[in-house]
Amino acid sequence: MNKDLIFYTNPQSRGRIVRWMLEETGASYHTELVEYGPEMKSPAYRAINPMGKVPALVAGDTVITECAAICAWLADAYPDAGLAPPPADRGAYYRWLFFAAGPVEQAVMARFMGLEPDEKQQMTLGFGNYGEVMDTLDSAIEAALASNGYLAGERFTAVDVYVGSHVGWGLQFGTIDKRPAFETYWARVSDRDAYRQATALDDEAMKDETTG
């Protein structure tokens, strides 16, 4: 992959997930910080992401939005980083990547906003209810820790960046239960140079944004 990457983000956003993933790949990229409010909703930025949200990644003529999609794309674009299993072995990789992008995020945000679906509504909603989602995620992580330590196999992959970020944020802000498997998993996946570097870059950007 030799196209110049432009990373549109805000340090107080889900862009932190993509920053971590970029650091894991070792890719060279340029960061464009986008402020919340008029700038993020401007015609210029909506030409990149019509939703007027960050993050977004541009590689030549290719535009990728949505964190899970960006993580999956980067894993494929930079195969030497080893952040995706071989195509034939991606069942668990895709399963838990998109389980986090769908049911986990929906359940967490619904609960955060005080929305408690009744039994009939749970039949329609893709995530059902918060408890079932957390139990499912807990079981998957417990199994991973017991067998090999990571969600898609023996190696750390993009799914650990994405799911790990949700778990880490949830534990920090109290939106995900403090279960032993979650805490052990987060400690394991966040103990990486790429995570520390990404966090330092975003923390510095947030400081500059505050003082500037």
N, C-alpha and C. Protein backbone atom coordinates (compact mmCIF):
# COMPACT_ATOMS: atom_id res chain seq x y z
N MET A 1 0.85 -1.19 0.00
CA MET A 1 0.00 0.00 0.00
C MET A 1 0.88 1.23 0.00
N ASN A 2 0.82 2.02 -1.04
CA ASN A 2 1.72 3.18 -1.11
C ASN A 2 0.99 4.50 -1.33
N LYS A 3 -0.32 4.49 -1.25
CA LYS A 3 -1.05 5.74 -1.40
C LYS A 3 -0.94 6.54 -0.10
N ASP A 4 -0.88 7.85 -0.25
CA ASP A 4 -0.85 8.70 0.94
C ASP A 4 -2.18 8.61 1.67
N LEU A 5 -2.11 8.41 2.98
CA LEU A 5 -3.31 8.32 3.79
C LEU A 5 -3.57 9.65 4.49
N ILE A 6 -4.81 10.10 4.44
CA ILE A 6 -5.23 11.28 5.18
C ILE A 6 -6.27 10.82 6.20
N PHE A 7 -5.99 11.10 7.45
CA PHE A 7 -6.83 10.65 8.56
C PHE A 7 -7.55 11.85 9.15
N TYR A 8 -8.88 11.88 9.01
CA TYR A 8 -9.71 12.94 9.55
C TYR A 8 -10.26 12.48 10.89
N THR A 9 -10.02 13.28 11.93
CA THR A 9 -10.39 12.82 13.26
C THR A 9 -10.57 13.98 14.21
N ASN A 10 -11.01 13.65 15.40
CA ASN A 10 -11.01 14.55 16.53
C ASN A 10 -10.57 13.71 17.72
N PRO A 11 -9.68 14.23 18.56
CA PRO A 11 -9.15 13.41 19.65
C PRO A 11 -10.20 13.00 20.69
N GLN A 12 -11.37 13.62 20.65
CA GLN A 12 -12.46 13.24 21.55
C GLN A 12 -13.54 12.51 20.76
N SER A 13 -13.12 11.51 20.03
CA SER A 13 -14.05 10.77 19.17
C SER A 13 -13.61 9.32 19.02
N ARG A 14 -14.41 8.56 18.30
CA ARG A 14 -14.06 7.18 17.97
C ARG A 14 -12.83 7.12 17.08
N GLY A 15 -12.39 8.27 16.61
CA GLY A 15 -11.17 8.31 15.82
C GLY A 15 -9.98 7.74 16.57
N ARG A 16 -10.05 7.71 17.88
CA ARG A 16 -8.98 7.10 18.67
C ARG A 16 -8.80 5.62 18.31
N ILE A 17 -9.87 4.96 17.95
CA ILE A 17 -9.77 3.55 17.52
C ILE A 17 -8.93 3.46 16.27
N VAL A 18 -9.24 4.31 15.31
CA VAL A 18 -8.52 4.27 14.03
C VAL A 18 -7.07 4.70 14.20
N ARG A 19 -6.83 5.68 15.06
CA ARG A 19 -5.45 6.09 15.33
C ARG A 19 -4.63 4.89 15.83
N TRP A 20 -5.19 4.14 16.75
CA TRP A 20 -4.52 2.94 17.26
C TRP A 20 -4.24 1.96 16.13
N MET A 21 -5.26 1.76 15.29
CA MET A 21 -5.08 0.82 14.18
C MET A 21 -4.01 1.30 13.22
N LEU A 22 -3.98 2.58 12.92
CA LEU A 22 -2.95 3.13 12.04
C LEU A 22 -1.56 2.90 12.62
N GLU A 23 -1.43 3.11 13.91
CA GLU A 23 -0.12 2.90 14.54
C GLU A 23 0.27 1.43 14.52
N GLU A 24 -0.69 0.54 14.61
CA GLU A 24 -0.40 -0.89 14.53
C GLU A 24 0.12 -1.28 13.14
N THR A 25 -0.39 -0.63 12.10
CA THR A 25 0.04 -0.98 10.74
C THR A 25 1.43 -0.46 10.42
N GLY A 26 1.83 0.60 11.11
CA GLY A 26 3.10 1.25 10.76
C GLY A 26 3.00 2.13 9.54
N ALA A 27 1.78 2.39 9.09
CA ALA A 27 1.58 3.20 7.88
C ALA A 27 1.96 4.66 8.11
N SER A 28 2.40 5.29 7.05
CA SER A 28 2.64 6.73 7.07
C SER A 28 1.32 7.43 6.75
N TYR A 29 0.92 8.39 7.57
CA TYR A 29 -0.36 9.06 7.33
C TYR A 29 -0.30 10.50 7.81
N HIS A 30 -1.18 11.30 7.25
CA HIS A 30 -1.30 12.71 7.63
C HIS A 30 -2.61 12.89 8.39
N THR A 31 -2.56 13.60 9.50
CA THR A 31 -3.75 13.82 10.32
C THR A 31 -4.35 15.18 10.05
N GLU A 32 -5.66 15.19 9.83
CA GLU A 32 -6.43 16.44 9.73
C GLU A 32 -7.42 16.45 10.89
N LEU A 33 -7.22 17.36 11.85
CA LEU A 33 -8.14 17.48 12.96
C LEU A 33 -9.37 18.28 12.54
N VAL A 34 -10.52 17.75 12.87
CA VAL A 34 -11.79 18.38 12.49
C VAL A 34 -12.54 18.74 13.77
N GLU A 35 -12.88 20.00 13.92
CA GLU A 35 -13.57 20.45 15.12
C GLU A 35 -15.05 20.10 15.04
N TYR A 36 -15.63 19.80 16.20
CA TYR A 36 -17.07 19.60 16.27
C TYR A 36 -17.78 20.91 15.98
N GLY A 37 -18.98 20.80 15.43
CA GLY A 37 -19.74 22.00 15.13
C GLY A 37 -19.71 22.33 13.65
N PRO A 38 -19.62 23.61 13.31
CA PRO A 38 -19.71 24.03 11.90
C PRO A 38 -18.68 23.35 11.00
N GLU A 39 -17.44 23.19 11.48
CA GLU A 39 -16.43 22.60 10.60
C GLU A 39 -16.77 21.17 10.23
N MET A 40 -17.21 20.37 11.21
CA MET A 40 -17.52 18.98 10.94
C MET A 40 -18.76 18.83 10.07
N LYS A 41 -19.64 19.83 10.11
CA LYS A 41 -20.88 19.78 9.32
C LYS A 41 -20.78 20.63 8.05
N SER A 42 -19.59 21.10 7.75
CA SER A 42 -19.41 21.97 6.59
C SER A 42 -19.52 21.19 5.28
N PRO A 43 -19.88 21.88 4.17
CA PRO A 43 -19.91 21.22 2.87
C PRO A 43 -18.58 20.59 2.51
N ALA A 44 -17.49 21.21 2.88
CA ALA A 44 -16.16 20.68 2.53
C ALA A 44 -15.94 19.32 3.20
N TYR A 45 -16.29 19.23 4.49
CA TYR A 45 -16.07 17.94 5.14
C TYR A 45 -17.15 16.93 4.76
N ARG A 46 -18.39 17.39 4.55
CA ARG A 46 -19.45 16.46 4.13
C ARG A 46 -19.15 15.84 2.76
N ALA A 47 -18.32 16.50 1.97
CA ALA A 47 -17.91 15.90 0.69
C ALA A 47 -17.08 14.64 0.93
N ILE A 48 -16.46 14.57 2.09
CA ILE A 48 -15.69 13.37 2.46
C ILE A 48 -16.59 12.38 3.18
N ASN A 49 -17.29 12.85 4.21
CA ASN A 49 -18.24 12.00 4.92
C ASN A 49 -19.57 12.73 5.00
N PRO A 50 -20.55 12.34 4.20
CA PRO A 50 -21.84 13.03 4.19
C PRO A 50 -22.54 13.07 5.55
N MET A 51 -22.16 12.16 6.46
CA MET A 51 -22.74 12.17 7.79
C MET A 51 -22.21 13.31 8.65
N GLY A 52 -21.13 13.94 8.21
CA GLY A 52 -20.56 15.01 9.01
C GLY A 52 -20.02 14.52 10.33
N LYS A 53 -19.39 13.34 10.31
CA LYS A 53 -18.83 12.74 11.51
C LYS A 53 -17.40 12.27 11.24
N VAL A 54 -16.65 12.12 12.31
CA VAL A 54 -15.32 11.53 12.22
C VAL A 54 -15.36 10.19 12.95
N PRO A 55 -14.42 9.30 12.57
CA PRO A 55 -13.28 9.49 11.67
C PRO A 55 -13.63 9.17 10.22
N ALA A 56 -12.70 9.56 9.36
CA ALA A 56 -12.73 9.16 7.96
C ALA A 56 -11.28 8.98 7.52
N LEU A 57 -11.10 8.10 6.57
CA LEU A 57 -9.76 7.84 6.04
C LEU A 57 -9.82 7.95 4.53
N VAL A 58 -8.88 8.69 3.97
CA VAL A 58 -8.82 8.86 2.51
C VAL A 58 -7.49 8.31 2.02
N ALA A 59 -7.57 7.44 1.03
CA ALA A 59 -6.37 6.87 0.40
C ALA A 59 -6.52 7.05 -1.10
N GLY A 60 -5.91 8.10 -1.64
CA GLY A 60 -6.09 8.40 -3.06
C GLY A 60 -7.54 8.71 -3.34
N ASP A 61 -8.17 7.92 -4.21
CA ASP A 61 -9.58 8.13 -4.55
C ASP A 61 -10.52 7.32 -3.66
N THR A 62 -9.96 6.60 -2.72
CA THR A 62 -10.77 5.75 -1.84
C THR A 62 -11.07 6.46 -0.53
N VAL A 63 -12.34 6.46 -0.16
CA VAL A 63 -12.77 7.04 1.11
C VAL A 63 -13.41 5.94 1.94
N ILE A 64 -12.96 5.82 3.20
CA ILE A 64 -13.53 4.82 4.09
C ILE A 64 -14.01 5.53 5.34
N THR A 65 -15.24 5.26 5.74
CA THR A 65 -15.76 5.75 7.01
C THR A 65 -16.24 4.55 7.81
N GLU A 66 -16.64 4.77 9.03
CA GLU A 66 -17.08 3.77 10.00
C GLU A 66 -15.87 3.00 10.53
N CYS A 67 -15.70 3.07 11.83
CA CYS A 67 -14.47 2.56 12.46
C CYS A 67 -14.17 1.10 12.14
N ALA A 68 -15.18 0.25 12.23
CA ALA A 68 -14.94 -1.16 11.97
C ALA A 68 -14.49 -1.37 10.52
N ALA A 69 -15.11 -0.65 9.60
CA ALA A 69 -14.74 -0.76 8.19
C ALA A 69 -13.31 -0.27 7.96
N ILE A 70 -12.95 0.83 8.61
CA ILE A 70 -11.60 1.36 8.46
C ILE A 70 -10.58 0.37 9.00
N CYS A 71 -10.86 -0.21 10.16
CA CYS A 71 -9.94 -1.19 10.74
C CYS A 71 -9.76 -2.39 9.81
N ALA A 72 -10.86 -2.90 9.27
CA ALA A 72 -10.78 -4.05 8.37
C ALA A 72 -10.03 -3.69 7.09
N TRP A 73 -10.28 -2.49 6.57
CA TRP A 73 -9.60 -2.06 5.34
C TRP A 73 -8.10 -1.93 5.58
N LEU A 74 -7.72 -1.33 6.69
CA LEU A 74 -6.29 -1.16 6.98
C LEU A 74 -5.59 -2.51 7.16
N ALA A 75 -6.27 -3.44 7.79
CA ALA A 75 -5.67 -4.77 7.97
C ALA A 75 -5.38 -5.42 6.62
N ASP A 76 -6.27 -5.22 5.66
CA ASP A 76 -6.07 -5.79 4.33
C ASP A 76 -5.06 -4.99 3.52
N ALA A 77 -5.05 -3.67 3.70
CA ALA A 77 -4.16 -2.81 2.93
C ALA A 77 -2.70 -2.96 3.36
N TYR A 78 -2.50 -3.38 4.61
CA TYR A 78 -1.13 -3.53 5.15
C TYR A 78 -0.95 -4.94 5.70
N PRO A 79 -0.94 -5.93 4.80
CA PRO A 79 -0.89 -7.33 5.25
C PRO A 79 0.36 -7.70 6.04
N ASP A 80 1.45 -7.00 5.79
CA ASP A 80 2.69 -7.32 6.50
C ASP A 80 2.58 -7.09 8.00
N ALA A 81 1.60 -6.29 8.42
CA ALA A 81 1.40 -6.04 9.85
C ALA A 81 0.75 -7.23 10.55
N GLY A 82 0.19 -8.16 9.78
CA GLY A 82 -0.40 -9.36 10.35
C GLY A 82 -1.62 -9.11 11.20
N LEU A 83 -2.45 -8.15 10.82
CA LEU A 83 -3.59 -7.77 11.63
C LEU A 83 -4.91 -8.38 11.17
N ALA A 84 -4.84 -9.33 10.26
CA ALA A 84 -6.03 -10.08 9.85
C ALA A 84 -5.62 -11.53 9.60
N PRO A 85 -6.46 -12.48 9.98
CA PRO A 85 -6.16 -13.89 9.68
C PRO A 85 -6.27 -14.13 8.18
N PRO A 86 -5.78 -15.26 7.68
CA PRO A 86 -6.00 -15.61 6.28
C PRO A 86 -7.50 -15.63 5.99
N PRO A 87 -7.90 -15.30 4.76
CA PRO A 87 -9.34 -15.22 4.44
C PRO A 87 -10.15 -16.44 4.87
N ALA A 88 -9.58 -17.63 4.73
CA ALA A 88 -10.34 -18.84 5.09
C ALA A 88 -10.55 -18.99 6.59
N ASP A 89 -9.82 -18.20 7.38
CA ASP A 89 -9.89 -18.33 8.84
C ASP A 89 -10.50 -17.10 9.50
N ARG A 90 -11.34 -16.39 8.78
CA ARG A 90 -11.84 -15.12 9.31
C ARG A 90 -13.23 -15.20 9.93
N GLY A 91 -13.73 -16.37 10.20
CA GLY A 91 -15.06 -16.49 10.78
C GLY A 91 -15.19 -15.71 12.08
N ALA A 92 -14.35 -16.03 13.06
CA ALA A 92 -14.41 -15.34 14.36
C ALA A 92 -14.02 -13.87 14.22
N TYR A 93 -13.08 -13.60 13.34
CA TYR A 93 -12.61 -12.23 13.11
C TYR A 93 -13.77 -11.34 12.67
N TYR A 94 -14.52 -11.73 11.65
CA TYR A 94 -15.64 -10.93 11.19
C TYR A 94 -16.79 -10.96 12.19
N ARG A 95 -17.01 -12.11 12.79
CA ARG A 95 -18.13 -12.24 13.73
C ARG A 95 -18.03 -11.23 14.85
N TRP A 96 -16.88 -11.17 15.52
CA TRP A 96 -16.78 -10.31 16.70
C TRP A 96 -16.50 -8.86 16.33
N LEU A 97 -15.89 -8.62 15.18
CA LEU A 97 -15.70 -7.25 14.70
C LEU A 97 -17.06 -6.58 14.51
N PHE A 98 -17.97 -7.27 13.83
CA PHE A 98 -19.25 -6.67 13.53
C PHE A 98 -20.27 -6.86 14.65
N PHE A 99 -20.05 -7.80 15.53
CA PHE A 99 -20.87 -7.89 16.74
C PHE A 99 -20.64 -6.64 17.60
N ALA A 100 -19.39 -6.21 17.69
CA ALA A 100 -19.09 -5.00 18.45
C ALA A 100 -19.63 -3.76 17.75
N ALA A 101 -19.53 -3.72 16.40
CA ALA A 101 -20.01 -2.56 15.65
C ALA A 101 -21.53 -2.45 15.68
N GLY A 102 -22.20 -3.59 15.83
CA GLY A 102 -23.66 -3.60 15.86
C GLY A 102 -24.22 -3.73 17.26
N PRO A 103 -24.48 -4.96 17.73
CA PRO A 103 -25.13 -5.14 19.03
C PRO A 103 -24.45 -4.46 20.21
N VAL A 104 -23.11 -4.55 20.30
CA VAL A 104 -22.45 -3.97 21.46
C VAL A 104 -22.64 -2.46 21.51
N GLU A 105 -22.32 -1.78 20.42
CA GLU A 105 -22.45 -0.32 20.43
C GLU A 105 -23.90 0.10 20.62
N GLN A 106 -24.83 -0.58 19.96
CA GLN A 106 -26.24 -0.21 20.09
C GLN A 106 -26.75 -0.41 21.52
N ALA A 107 -26.40 -1.56 22.10
CA ALA A 107 -26.87 -1.86 23.45
C ALA A 107 -26.29 -0.88 24.47
N VAL A 108 -25.00 -0.60 24.34
CA VAL A 108 -24.34 0.31 25.27
C VAL A 108 -24.94 1.71 25.17
N MET A 109 -25.12 2.20 23.95
CA MET A 109 -25.63 3.56 23.79
C MET A 109 -27.10 3.67 24.19
N ALA A 110 -27.88 2.63 23.92
CA ALA A 110 -29.29 2.65 24.33
C ALA A 110 -29.39 2.74 25.85
N ARG A 111 -28.58 1.95 26.53
CA ARG A 111 -28.59 1.98 28.00
C ARG A 111 -28.09 3.32 28.53
N PHE A 112 -27.04 3.84 27.90
CA PHE A 112 -26.48 5.13 28.32
C PHE A 112 -27.54 6.23 28.22
N MET A 113 -28.39 6.16 27.21
CA MET A 113 -29.42 7.17 26.99
C MET A 113 -30.71 6.88 27.75
N GLY A 114 -30.69 5.82 28.56
CA GLY A 114 -31.85 5.50 29.37
C GLY A 114 -32.97 4.79 28.64
N LEU A 115 -32.65 4.18 27.51
CA LEU A 115 -33.65 3.47 26.73
C LEU A 115 -33.65 1.99 27.12
N GLU A 116 -34.75 1.52 27.67
CA GLU A 116 -34.87 0.14 28.10
C GLU A 116 -35.98 -0.53 27.29
N PRO A 117 -35.63 -1.26 26.21
CA PRO A 117 -36.67 -1.88 25.38
C PRO A 117 -37.44 -2.95 26.13
N ASP A 118 -38.75 -2.99 25.90
CA ASP A 118 -39.55 -4.04 26.51
C ASP A 118 -39.38 -5.34 25.74
N GLU A 119 -40.04 -6.38 26.19
CA GLU A 119 -39.83 -7.71 25.60
C GLU A 119 -40.18 -7.74 24.11
N LYS A 120 -41.26 -7.07 23.73
CA LYS A 120 -41.65 -7.04 22.33
C LYS A 120 -40.65 -6.26 21.50
N GLN A 121 -40.18 -5.13 22.00
CA GLN A 121 -39.20 -4.33 21.28
C GLN A 121 -37.88 -5.08 21.13
N GLN A 122 -37.53 -5.88 22.13
CA GLN A 122 -36.29 -6.65 22.05
C GLN A 122 -36.31 -7.64 20.89
N MET A 123 -37.48 -8.12 20.52
CA MET A 123 -37.59 -9.06 19.41
C MET A 123 -37.26 -8.38 18.08
N THR A 124 -37.50 -7.08 18.01
CA THR A 124 -37.24 -6.32 16.78
C THR A 124 -35.83 -5.78 16.73
N LEU A 125 -35.32 -5.34 17.87
CA LEU A 125 -33.99 -4.75 17.91
C LEU A 125 -32.92 -5.81 17.68
N GLY A 126 -31.91 -5.45 16.89
CA GLY A 126 -30.85 -6.40 16.59
C GLY A 126 -30.05 -6.82 17.80
N PHE A 127 -29.98 -5.96 18.83
CA PHE A 127 -29.17 -6.30 19.99
C PHE A 127 -29.98 -6.98 21.10
N GLY A 128 -31.29 -7.03 20.97
CA GLY A 128 -32.09 -7.67 22.00
C GLY A 128 -32.10 -6.84 23.26
N ASN A 129 -31.20 -7.16 24.19
CA ASN A 129 -31.10 -6.34 25.40
C ASN A 129 -29.65 -6.31 25.87
N TYR A 130 -29.35 -5.35 26.70
CA TYR A 130 -27.98 -5.10 27.17
C TYR A 130 -27.39 -6.33 27.86
N GLY A 131 -28.14 -6.97 28.73
CA GLY A 131 -27.62 -8.11 29.47
C GLY A 131 -27.18 -9.25 28.58
N GLU A 132 -27.99 -9.56 27.58
CA GLU A 132 -27.63 -10.65 26.67
C GLU A 132 -26.39 -10.31 25.86
N VAL A 133 -26.27 -9.06 25.46
CA VAL A 133 -25.09 -8.65 24.70
C VAL A 133 -23.84 -8.78 25.56
N MET A 134 -23.91 -8.30 26.80
CA MET A 134 -22.75 -8.38 27.68
C MET A 134 -22.38 -9.83 27.99
N ASP A 135 -23.39 -10.68 28.19
CA ASP A 135 -23.12 -12.09 28.47
C ASP A 135 -22.45 -12.76 27.27
N THR A 136 -22.91 -12.40 26.07
CA THR A 136 -22.33 -12.98 24.85
C THR A 136 -20.89 -12.53 24.67
N LEU A 137 -20.65 -11.25 24.87
CA LEU A 137 -19.29 -10.73 24.74
C LEU A 137 -18.38 -11.32 25.81
N ASP A 138 -18.89 -11.44 27.02
CA ASP A 138 -18.13 -12.02 28.12
C ASP A 138 -17.72 -13.46 27.79
N SER A 139 -18.65 -14.24 27.28
CA SER A 139 -18.35 -15.63 26.93
C SER A 139 -17.30 -15.73 25.84
N ALA A 140 -17.40 -14.85 24.84
CA ALA A 140 -16.44 -14.87 23.74
C ALA A 140 -15.04 -14.51 24.25
N ILE A 141 -14.96 -13.52 25.09
CA ILE A 141 -13.66 -13.09 25.61
C ILE A 141 -13.09 -14.13 26.56
N GLU A 142 -13.93 -14.70 27.41
CA GLU A 142 -13.46 -15.76 28.31
C GLU A 142 -12.87 -16.92 27.52
N ALA A 143 -13.56 -17.32 26.45
CA ALA A 143 -13.09 -18.43 25.62
C ALA A 143 -11.77 -18.08 24.96
N ALA A 144 -11.66 -16.84 24.49
CA ALA A 144 -10.42 -16.41 23.84
C ALA A 144 -9.26 -16.41 24.84
N LEU A 145 -9.50 -15.89 26.02
CA LEU A 145 -8.44 -15.85 27.03
C LEU A 145 -8.02 -17.26 27.45
N ALA A 146 -8.99 -18.16 27.53
CA ALA A 146 -8.69 -19.52 27.97
C ALA A 146 -7.92 -20.31 26.92
N SER A 147 -8.17 -20.02 25.65
CA SER A 147 -7.56 -20.84 24.60
C SER A 147 -6.32 -20.23 23.97
N ASN A 148 -6.37 -18.94 23.69
CA ASN A 148 -5.23 -18.36 22.97
C ASN A 148 -4.98 -16.89 23.27
N GLY A 149 -5.89 -16.25 23.95
CA GLY A 149 -5.66 -14.88 24.36
C GLY A 149 -6.26 -13.80 23.48
N TYR A 150 -6.67 -14.14 22.24
CA TYR A 150 -7.20 -13.11 21.35
C TYR A 150 -8.47 -13.62 20.68
N LEU A 151 -9.28 -12.69 20.16
CA LEU A 151 -10.61 -13.05 19.68
C LEU A 151 -10.62 -13.82 18.35
N ALA A 152 -9.60 -13.63 17.53
CA ALA A 152 -9.61 -14.27 16.21
C ALA A 152 -8.57 -15.37 16.08
N GLY A 153 -7.95 -15.77 17.16
CA GLY A 153 -6.93 -16.81 17.06
C GLY A 153 -5.76 -16.53 17.97
N GLU A 154 -4.62 -17.06 17.62
CA GLU A 154 -3.44 -16.94 18.48
C GLU A 154 -2.80 -15.55 18.41
N ARG A 155 -3.09 -14.81 17.35
CA ARG A 155 -2.44 -13.51 17.17
C ARG A 155 -3.40 -12.36 17.41
N PHE A 156 -2.84 -11.26 17.87
CA PHE A 156 -3.56 -9.99 17.98
C PHE A 156 -3.92 -9.52 16.57
N THR A 157 -5.18 -9.09 16.38
CA THR A 157 -5.62 -8.62 15.07
C THR A 157 -6.46 -7.35 15.21
N ALA A 158 -6.96 -6.88 14.07
CA ALA A 158 -7.78 -5.67 14.05
C ALA A 158 -9.01 -5.80 14.93
N VAL A 159 -9.55 -7.00 15.08
CA VAL A 159 -10.74 -7.17 15.92
C VAL A 159 -10.41 -6.84 17.37
N ASP A 160 -9.19 -7.08 17.78
CA ASP A 160 -8.80 -6.75 19.16
C ASP A 160 -8.65 -5.25 19.36
N VAL A 161 -8.22 -4.56 18.31
CA VAL A 161 -8.19 -3.09 18.36
C VAL A 161 -9.61 -2.56 18.56
N TYR A 162 -10.53 -3.07 17.75
CA TYR A 162 -11.88 -2.53 17.75
C TYR A 162 -12.67 -2.94 18.99
N VAL A 163 -12.72 -4.23 19.25
CA VAL A 163 -13.45 -4.69 20.43
C VAL A 163 -12.78 -4.20 21.70
N GLY A 164 -11.45 -4.26 21.71
CA GLY A 164 -10.72 -3.79 22.88
C GLY A 164 -11.01 -2.34 23.20
N SER A 165 -11.11 -1.50 22.16
CA SER A 165 -11.41 -0.09 22.39
C SER A 165 -12.78 0.09 23.04
N HIS A 166 -13.76 -0.65 22.58
CA HIS A 166 -15.10 -0.56 23.18
C HIS A 166 -15.07 -1.02 24.64
N VAL A 167 -14.36 -2.11 24.89
CA VAL A 167 -14.28 -2.62 26.26
C VAL A 167 -13.54 -1.62 27.15
N GLY A 168 -12.42 -1.09 26.66
CA GLY A 168 -11.65 -0.15 27.44
C GLY A 168 -12.43 1.11 27.78
N TRP A 169 -13.10 1.68 26.79
CA TRP A 169 -13.90 2.87 27.04
C TRP A 169 -15.05 2.56 27.99
N GLY A 170 -15.69 1.41 27.78
CA GLY A 170 -16.82 1.04 28.62
C GLY A 170 -16.42 0.89 30.08
N LEU A 171 -15.27 0.28 30.31
CA LEU A 171 -14.77 0.14 31.68
C LEU A 171 -14.42 1.50 32.28
N GLN A 172 -13.84 2.36 31.46
CA GLN A 172 -13.43 3.68 31.95
C GLN A 172 -14.62 4.55 32.32
N PHE A 173 -15.65 4.52 31.48
CA PHE A 173 -16.79 5.43 31.68
C PHE A 173 -17.99 4.76 32.33
N GLY A 174 -17.87 3.49 32.67
CA GLY A 174 -18.94 2.81 33.38
C GLY A 174 -20.11 2.37 32.52
N THR A 175 -19.93 2.32 31.20
CA THR A 175 -21.02 1.90 30.32
C THR A 175 -20.97 0.40 30.02
N ILE A 176 -19.87 -0.25 30.41
CA ILE A 176 -19.73 -1.70 30.30
C ILE A 176 -19.40 -2.23 31.69
N ASP A 177 -20.05 -3.33 32.06
CA ASP A 177 -19.84 -3.91 33.38
C ASP A 177 -18.38 -4.26 33.62
N LYS A 178 -17.92 -4.07 34.85
CA LYS A 178 -16.55 -4.45 35.21
C LYS A 178 -16.51 -5.94 35.54
N ARG A 179 -16.45 -6.74 34.49
CA ARG A 179 -16.35 -8.18 34.67
C ARG A 179 -14.89 -8.60 34.57
N PRO A 180 -14.49 -9.65 35.27
CA PRO A 180 -13.08 -10.07 35.26
C PRO A 180 -12.53 -10.31 33.86
N ALA A 181 -13.31 -10.94 32.99
CA ALA A 181 -12.82 -11.23 31.64
C ALA A 181 -12.58 -9.94 30.87
N PHE A 182 -13.45 -8.97 31.03
CA PHE A 182 -13.29 -7.70 30.33
C PHE A 182 -12.02 -6.98 30.80
N GLU A 183 -11.82 -6.96 32.11
CA GLU A 183 -10.65 -6.26 32.65
C GLU A 183 -9.35 -6.95 32.25
N THR A 184 -9.35 -8.29 32.27
CA THR A 184 -8.15 -9.03 31.86
C THR A 184 -7.86 -8.83 30.38
N TYR A 185 -8.91 -8.88 29.57
CA TYR A 185 -8.74 -8.72 28.12
C TYR A 185 -8.22 -7.32 27.79
N TRP A 186 -8.81 -6.30 28.41
CA TRP A 186 -8.37 -4.94 28.12
C TRP A 186 -6.92 -4.73 28.54
N ALA A 187 -6.53 -5.25 29.69
CA ALA A 187 -5.14 -5.13 30.13
C ALA A 187 -4.21 -5.79 29.13
N ARG A 188 -4.64 -6.90 28.56
CA ARG A 188 -3.80 -7.64 27.61
C ARG A 188 -3.66 -6.89 26.28
N VAL A 189 -4.79 -6.47 25.70
CA VAL A 189 -4.72 -5.88 24.36
C VAL A 189 -4.16 -4.46 24.37
N SER A 190 -4.29 -3.75 25.48
CA SER A 190 -3.80 -2.37 25.52
C SER A 190 -2.32 -2.28 25.88
N ASP A 191 -1.72 -3.39 26.23
CA ASP A 191 -0.30 -3.39 26.59
C ASP A 191 0.55 -3.54 25.33
N ARG A 192 0.46 -2.51 24.47
CA ARG A 192 1.14 -2.54 23.18
C ARG A 192 1.72 -1.16 22.88
N ASP A 193 2.88 -1.15 22.25
CA ASP A 193 3.52 0.13 21.92
C ASP A 193 2.63 0.98 21.03
N ALA A 194 1.94 0.35 20.07
CA ALA A 194 1.09 1.11 19.15
C ALA A 194 -0.05 1.80 19.89
N TYR A 195 -0.61 1.13 20.87
CA TYR A 195 -1.68 1.75 21.65
C TYR A 195 -1.14 2.94 22.44
N ARG A 196 0.01 2.78 23.05
CA ARG A 196 0.59 3.87 23.83
C ARG A 196 0.94 5.06 22.94
N GLN A 197 1.48 4.78 21.75
CA GLN A 197 1.82 5.86 20.83
C GLN A 197 0.57 6.58 20.34
N ALA A 198 -0.45 5.82 19.99
CA ALA A 198 -1.70 6.43 19.52
C ALA A 198 -2.33 7.28 20.61
N THR A 199 -2.34 6.79 21.82
CA THR A 199 -2.91 7.53 22.94
C THR A 199 -2.15 8.83 23.19
N ALA A 200 -0.83 8.75 23.12
CA ALA A 200 -0.01 9.95 23.32
C ALA A 200 -0.30 10.99 22.25
N LEU A 201 -0.44 10.56 21.00
CA LEU A 201 -0.71 11.50 19.90
C LEU A 201 -2.07 12.16 20.08
N ASP A 202 -3.07 11.38 20.45
CA ASP A 202 -4.40 11.96 20.62
C ASP A 202 -4.48 12.84 21.86
N ASP A 203 -3.82 12.44 22.93
CA ASP A 203 -3.80 13.28 24.12
C ASP A 203 -3.13 14.62 23.85
N GLU A 204 -2.06 14.59 23.08
CA GLU A 204 -1.37 15.83 22.72
C GLU A 204 -2.26 16.70 21.84
N ALA A 205 -2.95 16.08 20.89
CA ALA A 205 -3.86 16.83 20.02
C ALA A 205 -5.00 17.44 20.82
N MET A 206 -5.47 16.72 21.82
CA MET A 206 -6.56 17.24 22.66
C MET A 206 -6.07 18.43 23.48
N LYS A 207 -4.84 18.36 23.96
CA LYS A 207 -4.25 19.45 24.72
C LYS A 207 -4.11 20.69 23.83
N ASP A 208 -3.63 20.47 22.61
CA ASP A 208 -3.46 21.58 21.68
C ASP A 208 -4.80 22.21 21.33
N GLU A 209 -5.83 21.36 21.20
CA GLU A 209 -7.16 21.83 20.85
C GLU A 209 -7.73 22.68 21.98
N THR A 210 -7.44 22.31 23.22
CA THR A 210 -7.94 23.02 24.38
C THR A 210 -7.24 24.36 24.56
N THR A 211 -5.91 24.35 24.39
CA THR A 211 -5.13 25.57 24.61
C THR A 211 -5.13 26.49 23.40
N GLY A 212 -5.38 25.91 22.20
CA GLY A 212 -5.31 26.72 21.00
C GLY A 212 -6.56 27.48 20.73
